[in-house]
Amino acid sequence: MKTIEKMWIIIILNLTIKTCCVFGRTSDVFPPDYNKHKSPGYKGHPAILYLELSILDIDRIDEGRMEFCLQTYVYERWNDWRLNLSSYVGRNAVAFPQTLVHDLLVPVLVFDNAKSGVLFDLSVPNSYVRVDDDGSLALASRYNLVISCQMNFVYYPMDTQLCFIKMALLSNPDYKVTLHWGGQKATGEEDFRP
């Protein structure tokens, strides 16, 4: 076996051991009554999902089809008070093991006015979940989206178009989970629709 191949095996084993030891057993993180399909609201209040959107590129604007194509990172952050993540508070952010992600409540965000969209997965899916130093969970995903935009050409060629990206949660009504922009104080008066 070549030296480089041995080095890769050692690195992979080392990463696997660190992940195992940091998170321990599934029962250490998930309580026995954990239900990933139930919203993690706190004391009767809806759970809050903080969103950040980082647009990498607007690839194409098609006036005839009234659409534009963009590549973006979507960052979602939330607290799931039901999980035992106390040993991670105050530490650096730790990647949540992919083997445990399928047991975790992960909000399903949809783009209401998207004509099509894909999660990037050139070699592996461009998405990961981590535990931040404050105990909150964070999901980062990279998307390629084609967004519908009702364009107005009355003032062409001096027109300006105002296009929106409409985001919502697929499976949770507003009284269970509310959306807020990252870093925003939750007042309950925010509106994400144009």
C-alpha atoms as a PDB file:
ATOM      1  CA  MET A   1       0.000   0.000   0.000  1.00  0.00           C
ATOM      2  CA  LYS A   2       1.337   3.409  -0.890  1.00  0.00           C
ATOM      3  CA  THR A   3       2.156   5.944   1.803  1.00  0.00           C
ATOM      4  CA  ILE A   4      -0.524   8.364   0.560  1.00  0.00           C
ATOM      5  CA  GLU A   5      -3.224   5.669   0.746  1.00  0.00           C
ATOM      6  CA  LYS A   6      -2.156   4.825   4.321  1.00  0.00           C
ATOM      7  CA  MET A   7      -2.310   8.494   5.246  1.00  0.00           C
ATOM      8  CA  TRP A   8      -5.885   8.805   3.889  1.00  0.00           C
ATOM      9  CA  ILE A   9      -6.995   5.745   5.844  1.00  0.00           C
ATOM     10  CA  ILE A  10      -5.511   7.167   9.050  1.00  0.00           C
ATOM     11  CA  ILE A  11      -7.168  10.554   8.473  1.00  0.00           C
ATOM     12  CA  ILE A  12     -10.563   8.971   7.782  1.00  0.00           C
ATOM     13  CA  LEU A  13     -10.309   6.746  10.867  1.00  0.00           C
ATOM     14  CA  ASN A  14      -9.242   9.718  12.974  1.00  0.00           C
ATOM     15  CA  LEU A  15     -12.246  11.789  11.812  1.00  0.00           C
ATOM     16  CA  THR A  16     -14.617   8.907  12.476  1.00  0.00           C
ATOM     17  CA  ILE A  17     -13.253   8.378  15.984  1.00  0.00           C
ATOM     18  CA  LYS A  18     -13.515  12.092  16.845  1.00  0.00           C
ATOM     19  CA  THR A  19     -17.132  12.283  15.670  1.00  0.00           C
ATOM     20  CA  CYS A  20     -18.017   9.150  17.627  1.00  0.00           C
ATOM     21  CA  CYS A  21     -16.402  10.390  20.802  1.00  0.00           C
ATOM     22  CA  VAL A  22     -17.802  13.928  20.615  1.00  0.00           C
ATOM     23  CA  PHE A  23     -21.415  12.817  20.154  1.00  0.00           C
ATOM     24  CA  GLY A  24     -21.320   9.501  21.963  1.00  0.00           C
ATOM     25  CA  ARG A  25     -24.362   7.265  21.634  1.00  0.00           C
ATOM     26  CA  THR A  26     -27.635   8.285  19.996  1.00  0.00           C
ATOM     27  CA  SER A  27     -29.355   7.931  23.382  1.00  0.00           C
ATOM     28  CA  ASP A  28     -26.990  10.580  24.824  1.00  0.00           C
ATOM     29  CA  VAL A  29     -28.370  13.214  22.417  1.00  0.00           C
ATOM     30  CA  PHE A  30     -31.962  12.094  21.764  1.00  0.00           C
ATOM     31  CA  PRO A  31     -34.338  11.499  24.687  1.00  0.00           C
ATOM     32  CA  PRO A  32     -36.471   8.325  24.480  1.00  0.00           C
ATOM     33  CA  ASP A  33     -39.668  10.291  23.688  1.00  0.00           C
ATOM     34  CA  TYR A  34     -38.068  12.445  20.945  1.00  0.00           C
ATOM     35  CA  ASN A  35     -40.323  12.891  17.897  1.00  0.00           C
ATOM     36  CA  LYS A  36     -38.613  14.453  14.880  1.00  0.00           C
ATOM     37  CA  HIS A  37     -42.007  15.203  13.306  1.00  0.00           C
ATOM     38  CA  LYS A  38     -43.074  17.454  16.188  1.00  0.00           C
ATOM     39  CA  SER A  39     -42.130  21.134  16.322  1.00  0.00           C
ATOM     40  CA  PRO A  40     -39.700  22.034  19.142  1.00  0.00           C
ATOM     41  CA  GLY A  41     -41.741  24.956  20.476  1.00  0.00           C
ATOM     42  CA  TYR A  42     -40.902  26.181  23.972  1.00  0.00           C
ATOM     43  CA  LYS A  43     -43.469  26.795  26.751  1.00  0.00           C
ATOM     44  CA  GLY A  44     -46.386  27.050  24.313  1.00  0.00           C
ATOM     45  CA  HIS A  45     -44.579  29.429  21.948  1.00  0.00           C
ATOM     46  CA  PRO A  46     -43.789  28.486  18.351  1.00  0.00           C
ATOM     47  CA  ALA A  47     -40.266  27.453  17.466  1.00  0.00           C
ATOM     48  CA  ILE A  48     -38.288  30.124  15.625  1.00  0.00           C
ATOM     49  CA  LEU A  49     -36.332  29.335  12.480  1.00  0.00           C
ATOM     50  CA  TYR A  50     -33.775  32.007  11.621  1.00  0.00           C
ATOM     51  CA  LEU A  51     -32.870  32.289   7.934  1.00  0.00           C
ATOM     52  CA  GLU A  52     -29.986  33.859   6.083  1.00  0.00           C
ATOM     53  CA  LEU A  53     -29.665  33.946   2.320  1.00  0.00           C
ATOM     54  CA  SER A  54     -26.365  34.506   0.557  1.00  0.00           C
ATOM     55  CA  ILE A  55     -26.730  34.903  -3.203  1.00  0.00           C
ATOM     56  CA  LEU A  56     -23.621  33.697  -4.996  1.00  0.00           C
ATOM     57  CA  ASP A  57     -24.654  34.430  -8.557  1.00  0.00           C
ATOM     58  CA  ILE A  58     -27.596  35.378 -10.744  1.00  0.00           C
ATOM     59  CA  ASP A  59     -26.857  33.222 -13.769  1.00  0.00           C
ATOM     60  CA  ARG A  60     -29.607  34.231 -16.122  1.00  0.00           C
ATOM     61  CA  ILE A  61     -32.542  36.605 -16.463  1.00  0.00           C
ATOM     62  CA  ASP A  62     -35.149  35.520 -19.012  1.00  0.00           C
ATOM     63  CA  GLU A  63     -37.674  38.291 -19.688  1.00  0.00           C
ATOM     64  CA  GLY A  64     -39.685  36.107 -22.102  1.00  0.00           C
ATOM     65  CA  ARG A  65     -40.291  33.408 -19.485  1.00  0.00           C
ATOM     66  CA  MET A  66     -40.378  35.951 -16.652  1.00  0.00           C
ATOM     67  CA  GLU A  67     -37.820  34.091 -14.553  1.00  0.00           C
ATOM     68  CA  PHE A  68     -34.290  34.322 -13.259  1.00  0.00           C
ATOM     69  CA  CYS A  69     -31.789  31.689 -12.193  1.00  0.00           C
ATOM     70  CA  LEU A  70     -29.615  32.045  -9.116  1.00  0.00           C
ATOM     71  CA  GLN A  71     -27.181  30.109  -6.989  1.00  0.00           C
ATOM     72  CA  THR A  72     -27.505  30.685  -3.279  1.00  0.00           C
ATOM     73  CA  TYR A  73     -26.555  29.427   0.146  1.00  0.00           C
ATOM     74  CA  VAL A  74     -29.412  29.149   2.612  1.00  0.00           C
ATOM     75  CA  TYR A  75     -28.521  29.131   6.293  1.00  0.00           C
ATOM     76  CA  GLU A  76     -31.133  27.944   8.798  1.00  0.00           C
ATOM     77  CA  ARG A  77     -30.675  28.144  12.566  1.00  0.00           C
ATOM     78  CA  TRP A  78     -32.998  26.878  15.308  1.00  0.00           C
ATOM     79  CA  ASN A  79     -33.057  25.494  18.831  1.00  0.00           C
ATOM     80  CA  ASP A  80     -34.420  22.080  19.636  1.00  0.00           C
ATOM     81  CA  TRP A  81     -34.799  22.214  23.418  1.00  0.00           C
ATOM     82  CA  ARG A  82     -35.647  18.521  23.540  1.00  0.00           C
ATOM     83  CA  LEU A  83     -32.114  17.447  22.586  1.00  0.00           C
ATOM     84  CA  ASN A  84     -29.321  17.005  25.113  1.00  0.00           C
ATOM     85  CA  LEU A  85     -26.673  19.307  23.614  1.00  0.00           C
ATOM     86  CA  SER A  86     -25.464  20.841  26.895  1.00  0.00           C
ATOM     87  CA  SER A  87     -21.970  19.375  26.553  1.00  0.00           C
ATOM     88  CA  TYR A  88     -21.480  21.409  23.343  1.00  0.00           C
ATOM     89  CA  VAL A  89     -22.408  24.825  24.768  1.00  0.00           C
ATOM     90  CA  GLY A  90     -19.342  27.064  24.897  1.00  0.00           C
ATOM     91  CA  ARG A  91     -17.320  24.875  22.520  1.00  0.00           C
ATOM     92  CA  ASN A  92     -16.480  25.540  18.919  1.00  0.00           C
ATOM     93  CA  ALA A  93     -19.125  24.519  16.385  1.00  0.00           C
ATOM     94  CA  VAL A  94     -19.244  20.750  15.833  1.00  0.00           C
ATOM     95  CA  ALA A  95     -20.579  19.028  12.719  1.00  0.00           C
ATOM     96  CA  PHE A  96     -23.592  16.854  13.494  1.00  0.00           C
ATOM     97  CA  PRO A  97     -22.804  13.323  12.260  1.00  0.00           C
ATOM     98  CA  GLN A  98     -24.625  12.377   9.065  1.00  0.00           C
ATOM     99  CA  THR A  99     -25.503   9.047  10.674  1.00  0.00           C
ATOM    100  CA  LEU A 100     -27.647  10.908  13.257  1.00  0.00           C
ATOM    101  CA  VAL A 101     -29.149  13.573  10.972  1.00  0.00           C
ATOM    102  CA  HIS A 102     -31.922  11.215   9.816  1.00  0.00           C
ATOM    103  CA  ASP A 103     -33.159  11.064  13.463  1.00  0.00           C
ATOM    104  CA  LEU A 104     -33.140  14.865  13.837  1.00  0.00           C
ATOM    105  CA  LEU A 105     -35.923  17.356  13.170  1.00  0.00           C
ATOM    106  CA  VAL A 106     -34.641  19.296  10.153  1.00  0.00           C
ATOM    107  CA  PRO A 107     -36.977  22.052   8.906  1.00  0.00           C
ATOM    108  CA  VAL A 108     -38.047  21.563   5.290  1.00  0.00           C
ATOM    109  CA  LEU A 109     -37.834  24.933   3.584  1.00  0.00           C
ATOM    110  CA  VAL A 110     -39.570  25.443   0.237  1.00  0.00           C
ATOM    111  CA  PHE A 111     -39.359  28.237  -2.302  1.00  0.00           C
ATOM    112  CA  ASP A 112     -42.980  29.007  -3.211  1.00  0.00           C
ATOM    113  CA  ASN A 113     -42.270  30.874  -6.437  1.00  0.00           C
ATOM    114  CA  ALA A 114     -39.511  28.579  -7.699  1.00  0.00           C
ATOM    115  CA  LYS A 115     -40.171  26.960 -11.060  1.00  0.00           C
ATOM    116  CA  SER A 116     -37.398  24.469 -10.368  1.00  0.00           C
ATOM    117  CA  GLY A 117     -34.554  23.995  -7.969  1.00  0.00           C
ATOM    118  CA  VAL A 118     -31.886  21.541  -6.981  1.00  0.00           C
ATOM    119  CA  LEU A 119     -29.679  21.031  -3.971  1.00  0.00           C
ATOM    120  CA  PHE A 120     -26.104  21.033  -5.259  1.00  0.00           C
ATOM    121  CA  ASP A 121     -24.528  17.595  -5.131  1.00  0.00           C
ATOM    122  CA  LEU A 122     -21.597  17.565  -7.533  1.00  0.00           C
ATOM    123  CA  SER A 123     -19.619  14.984  -5.552  1.00  0.00           C
ATOM    124  CA  VAL A 124     -21.585  14.902  -2.295  1.00  0.00           C
ATOM    125  CA  PRO A 125     -24.695  16.847  -1.219  1.00  0.00           C
ATOM    126  CA  ASN A 126     -23.724  20.452  -0.429  1.00  0.00           C
ATOM    127  CA  SER A 127     -25.560  20.476   2.882  1.00  0.00           C
ATOM    128  CA  TYR A 128     -24.547  19.947   6.501  1.00  0.00           C
ATOM    129  CA  VAL A 129     -25.903  20.312  10.039  1.00  0.00           C
ATOM    130  CA  ARG A 130     -23.790  21.548  12.949  1.00  0.00           C
ATOM    131  CA  VAL A 131     -24.172  22.343  16.643  1.00  0.00           C
ATOM    132  CA  ASP A 132     -23.088  25.918  17.391  1.00  0.00           C
ATOM    133  CA  ASP A 133     -21.370  27.022  20.590  1.00  0.00           C
ATOM    134  CA  ASP A 134     -24.686  28.302  22.019  1.00  0.00           C
ATOM    135  CA  GLY A 135     -26.348  24.884  21.542  1.00  0.00           C
ATOM    136  CA  SER A 136     -28.394  25.911  18.517  1.00  0.00           C
ATOM    137  CA  LEU A 137     -28.516  23.779  15.383  1.00  0.00           C
ATOM    138  CA  ALA A 138     -27.511  25.195  12.020  1.00  0.00           C
ATOM    139  CA  LEU A 139     -28.136  23.853   8.536  1.00  0.00           C
ATOM    140  CA  ALA A 140     -26.314  25.215   5.499  1.00  0.00           C
ATOM    141  CA  SER A 141     -27.374  24.216   1.983  1.00  0.00           C
ATOM    142  CA  ARG A 142     -26.408  25.347  -1.498  1.00  0.00           C
ATOM    143  CA  TYR A 143     -29.183  25.595  -4.093  1.00  0.00           C
ATOM    144  CA  ASN A 144     -29.564  26.337  -7.777  1.00  0.00           C
ATOM    145  CA  LEU A 145     -33.032  27.890  -8.268  1.00  0.00           C
ATOM    146  CA  VAL A 146     -35.138  29.149 -11.161  1.00  0.00           C
ATOM    147  CA  ILE A 147     -37.452  31.783  -9.661  1.00  0.00           C
ATOM    148  CA  SER A 148     -40.632  33.124 -11.247  1.00  0.00           C
ATOM    149  CA  CYS A 149     -40.917  36.918 -11.383  1.00  0.00           C
ATOM    150  CA  GLN A 150     -43.876  38.876 -12.759  1.00  0.00           C
ATOM    151  CA  MET A 151     -42.027  41.536 -14.770  1.00  0.00           C
ATOM    152  CA  ASN A 152     -43.494  44.856 -15.898  1.00  0.00           C
ATOM    153  CA  PHE A 153     -42.150  46.322 -19.154  1.00  0.00           C
ATOM    154  CA  VAL A 154     -44.247  49.511 -19.298  1.00  0.00           C
ATOM    155  CA  TYR A 155     -41.138  51.705 -18.999  1.00  0.00           C
ATOM    156  CA  TYR A 156     -38.900  49.554 -21.229  1.00  0.00           C
ATOM    157  CA  PRO A 157     -35.955  50.123 -21.863  1.00  0.00           C
ATOM    158  CA  MET A 158     -35.713  52.158 -18.643  1.00  0.00           C
ATOM    159  CA  ASP A 159     -37.615  49.603 -16.569  1.00  0.00           C
ATOM    160  CA  THR A 160     -36.688  48.283 -13.162  1.00  0.00           C
ATOM    161  CA  GLN A 161     -37.899  44.900 -11.980  1.00  0.00           C
ATOM    162  CA  LEU A 162     -38.740  43.992  -8.412  1.00  0.00           C
ATOM    163  CA  CYS A 163     -38.502  40.231  -7.861  1.00  0.00           C
ATOM    164  CA  PHE A 164     -39.088  38.279  -4.670  1.00  0.00           C
ATOM    165  CA  ILE A 165     -37.920  34.940  -3.360  1.00  0.00           C
ATOM    166  CA  LYS A 166     -40.838  33.486  -1.402  1.00  0.00           C
ATOM    167  CA  MET A 167     -39.838  31.010   1.300  1.00  0.00           C
ATOM    168  CA  ALA A 168     -42.035  28.941   3.581  1.00  0.00           C
ATOM    169  CA  LEU A 169     -41.947  25.788   5.642  1.00  0.00           C
ATOM    170  CA  LEU A 170     -43.430  22.722   4.008  1.00  0.00           C
ATOM    171  CA  SER A 171     -44.878  20.906   6.998  1.00  0.00           C
ATOM    172  CA  ASN A 172     -45.301  23.381   9.857  1.00  0.00           C
ATOM    173  CA  PRO A 173     -47.992  26.064  10.189  1.00  0.00           C
ATOM    174  CA  ASP A 174     -47.094  29.511  11.580  1.00  0.00           C
ATOM    175  CA  TYR A 175     -48.454  28.744  15.038  1.00  0.00           C
ATOM    176  CA  LYS A 176     -45.864  25.932  15.378  1.00  0.00           C
ATOM    177  CA  VAL A 177     -42.809  27.476  13.659  1.00  0.00           C
ATOM    178  CA  THR A 178     -42.170  31.074  12.592  1.00  0.00           C
ATOM    179  CA  LEU A 179     -39.571  32.343  10.133  1.00  0.00           C
ATOM    180  CA  HIS A 180     -37.265  35.251  10.956  1.00  0.00           C
ATOM    181  CA  TRP A 181     -34.223  36.697   9.255  1.00  0.00           C
ATOM    182  CA  GLY A 182     -30.984  35.772  11.034  1.00  0.00           C
ATOM    183  CA  GLY A 183     -30.097  38.058  13.928  1.00  0.00           C
ATOM    184  CA  GLN A 184     -33.574  39.601  13.933  1.00  0.00           C
ATOM    185  CA  LYS A 185     -35.452  39.977  17.205  1.00  0.00           C
ATOM    186  CA  ALA A 186     -38.652  37.953  17.141  1.00  0.00           C
ATOM    187  CA  THR A 187     -41.656  40.280  17.467  1.00  0.00           C
ATOM    188  CA  GLY A 188     -44.240  38.192  15.646  1.00  0.00           C
ATOM    189  CA  GLU A 189     -44.996  41.063  13.245  1.00  0.00           C
ATOM    190  CA  GLU A 190     -42.585  40.088  10.477  1.00  0.00           C
ATOM    191  CA  ASP A 191     -43.954  39.201   7.052  1.00  0.00           C
ATOM    192  CA  PHE A 192     -41.996  37.344   4.413  1.00  0.00           C
ATOM    193  CA  ARG A 193     -44.492  37.896   1.600  1.00  0.00           C
ATOM    194  CA  PRO A 194     -44.328  40.838  -0.847  1.00  0.00           C
END
